[in-house]
Protein backbone atom coordinates (compact mmCIF):
# COMPACT_ATOMS: atom_id res chain seq x y z
CA UNK A 1 105.56 115.23 77.27
CA UNK A 2 109.38 114.06 77.44
CA UNK A 3 109.86 116.85 80.20
CA UNK A 4 106.34 116.05 81.93
CA UNK A 5 107.20 112.30 81.78
CA UNK A 6 110.08 112.68 83.29
CA UNK A 7 109.38 115.45 86.34
CA UNK A 8 106.52 113.00 87.12
CA UNK A 9 108.49 109.94 87.30
CA UNK A 10 111.73 111.57 89.25
CA UNK A 11 108.55 112.19 92.07
CA UNK A 12 108.34 109.07 92.47
CA UNK A 13 110.23 106.51 95.80
CA UNK A 14 112.47 103.93 93.68
CA UNK A 15 110.27 101.35 95.31
CA UNK A 16 107.16 102.66 93.49
CA UNK A 17 109.37 102.58 90.64
CA UNK A 18 109.79 99.18 91.48
CA UNK A 19 107.57 97.53 92.62
CA UNK A 20 103.70 96.96 90.99
CA UNK A 21 100.64 98.52 92.78
CA UNK A 22 98.15 96.67 94.20
CA UNK A 23 100.72 93.01 93.46
CA UNK A 24 98.90 92.69 89.87
CA UNK A 25 99.28 96.42 87.97
CA UNK A 26 102.44 96.36 85.31
CA UNK A 27 105.73 97.69 87.51
CA UNK A 28 106.52 101.38 86.77
CA UNK A 29 109.70 100.33 85.90
CA UNK A 30 108.62 97.92 82.84
CA UNK A 31 106.43 100.62 81.79
CA UNK A 32 109.33 103.38 81.64
CA UNK A 33 112.02 100.51 80.43
CA UNK A 34 109.57 99.71 77.33
CA UNK A 35 108.69 103.51 76.49
CA UNK A 36 112.60 104.07 76.51
CA UNK A 37 112.84 101.35 74.45
CA UNK A 38 109.45 102.31 71.75
CA UNK A 39 111.20 105.27 71.55
CA UNK A 40 114.31 104.04 70.36
CA UNK A 41 112.65 102.20 67.99
CA UNK A 42 110.58 105.35 66.45
CA UNK A 43 114.44 107.08 66.05
CA UNK A 44 115.38 103.64 64.00
CA UNK A 45 112.20 103.31 62.01
CA UNK A 46 112.68 107.67 61.70
CA UNK A 47 115.79 107.25 60.37
CA UNK A 48 114.48 104.19 57.80
CA UNK A 49 116.62 101.06 60.18
CA UNK A 50 114.76 98.31 61.42
CA UNK A 51 113.99 98.79 64.46
CA UNK A 52 113.39 94.35 65.26
CA UNK A 53 116.92 93.84 66.99
CA UNK A 54 116.26 96.01 69.39
CA UNK A 55 112.68 94.36 69.82
CA UNK A 56 114.37 90.78 70.31
CA UNK A 57 116.75 91.83 72.75
CA UNK A 58 113.66 92.55 75.43
CA UNK A 59 111.88 90.21 78.15
CA UNK A 60 108.48 90.07 77.92
CA UNK A 61 105.72 88.90 80.63
CA UNK A 62 103.34 86.70 80.45
CA UNK A 63 100.72 89.33 77.92
CA UNK A 64 103.56 89.83 76.12
CA UNK A 65 104.57 93.26 77.44
CA UNK A 66 107.56 94.40 77.62
CA UNK A 67 109.87 93.89 81.21
CA UNK A 68 113.10 95.61 82.73
CA UNK A 69 116.05 94.46 82.91
CA UNK A 70 116.88 93.58 87.03
CA UNK A 71 119.49 95.95 87.31
CA UNK A 72 117.43 98.16 86.25
CA UNK A 73 117.65 101.12 89.10
CA UNK A 74 114.69 104.36 88.70
CA UNK A 75 117.57 106.79 88.59
CA UNK A 76 119.04 104.19 84.76
CA UNK A 77 115.72 104.82 83.69
CA UNK A 78 115.16 108.03 84.33
CA UNK A 79 118.29 108.46 82.28
CA UNK A 80 117.43 106.32 79.94
CA UNK A 81 114.25 108.08 79.10
CA UNK A 82 116.27 111.16 78.10
CA UNK A 83 118.23 109.80 76.72
CA UNK A 84 115.66 107.93 74.13
CA UNK A 85 113.55 111.39 74.46
CA UNK A 86 116.70 113.64 72.69
CA UNK A 87 117.73 110.15 70.28
CA UNK A 88 114.14 111.13 68.26
CA UNK A 89 114.26 114.79 68.59
CA UNK A 90 118.07 114.53 67.33
CA UNK A 91 116.31 112.37 64.50
CA UNK A 92 113.10 114.68 63.98
CA UNK A 93 115.04 118.15 63.67
CA UNK A 94 117.43 117.40 60.99
CA UNK A 95 115.23 115.80 59.03
CA UNK A 96 113.75 118.42 56.32
CA UNK A 97 110.30 118.95 54.93
CA UNK A 98 110.05 116.54 52.52
CA UNK A 99 111.71 114.41 54.94
CA UNK A 100 108.88 114.29 57.28
CA UNK A 101 106.02 114.38 54.74
CA UNK A 102 108.08 110.75 53.13
CA UNK A 103 106.86 107.70 54.69
CA UNK A 104 108.02 105.64 56.90
CA UNK A 105 107.95 101.51 58.53
CA UNK A 106 105.66 102.19 61.40
CA UNK A 107 104.33 100.36 64.04
CA UNK A 108 101.36 100.84 62.68
CA UNK A 109 102.39 100.28 58.31
CA UNK A 110 103.47 102.76 56.33
CA UNK A 111 102.52 106.21 57.86
CA UNK A 112 104.68 109.65 56.76
CA UNK A 113 107.71 110.98 59.30
CA UNK A 114 106.01 112.98 61.38
CA UNK A 115 103.23 110.72 62.28
CA UNK A 116 105.61 108.45 63.50
CA UNK A 117 107.21 111.04 65.13
CA UNK A 118 103.69 111.88 67.51
CA UNK A 119 103.98 108.37 67.44
CA UNK A 120 106.18 109.22 70.49
CA UNK A 121 103.99 111.69 72.40
CA UNK A 122 101.10 109.60 72.10
CA UNK A 123 102.53 106.38 73.92
CA UNK A 124 104.25 108.89 76.27
CA UNK A 125 101.74 111.14 77.86
CA UNK A 126 99.35 107.38 77.61
CA UNK A 127 101.85 105.38 80.18
CA UNK A 128 102.54 109.67 81.68
CA UNK A 129 98.99 108.23 82.85
CA UNK A 130 99.97 105.49 84.55
CA UNK A 131 103.11 107.40 86.64
CA UNK A 132 99.92 109.64 87.63
CA UNK A 133 97.85 106.95 89.12
CA UNK A 134 100.75 105.67 91.57
CA UNK A 135 101.53 109.15 92.42
CA UNK A 136 97.90 109.32 93.72
CA UNK A 137 97.60 105.92 95.15
CA UNK A 138 100.98 107.01 96.92
CA UNK A 139 99.48 110.14 99.05
CA UNK A 140 100.39 112.76 96.25
CA UNK A 141 97.98 114.12 94.57
CA UNK A 142 99.40 118.07 92.92
CA UNK A 143 99.62 118.75 89.17
CA UNK A 144 102.89 118.35 88.73
CA UNK A 145 102.69 119.95 85.98
CA UNK A 146 102.31 123.13 87.68
CA UNK A 147 104.25 126.57 86.41
CA UNK A 148 104.50 127.83 90.03
CA UNK A 149 106.59 124.85 90.28
């Protein structure tokens, strides 16, 4: 999912990433930043660390959604996202089968580590749907996941 998300994000213009579709929806920069922070939090959980400080550093909107720092650009957000996926992947690849079955504290209570790791794909895919909607609203109706590209 990381590759699909990164590709879809890279196809949006800076203006599409930085602005609210319709004036009321969340800005893509904000949920891209959220996905990055959640990925980093999951990496912490998989290592058995508490991600509370990471989440405590974040700004939130009136709906308690994470908001990107005002200085964050679309290019930086893409690079940060890719780094967060690589961080989770590195943790997972270093884990034994026994580690993957052991319990970790997650955002949803104790779960096996493999379940915690899978949430990266689930959460990324959810927000990738939002990126796809922004693409469509901007006139890009193609399937950008095609192998032929």
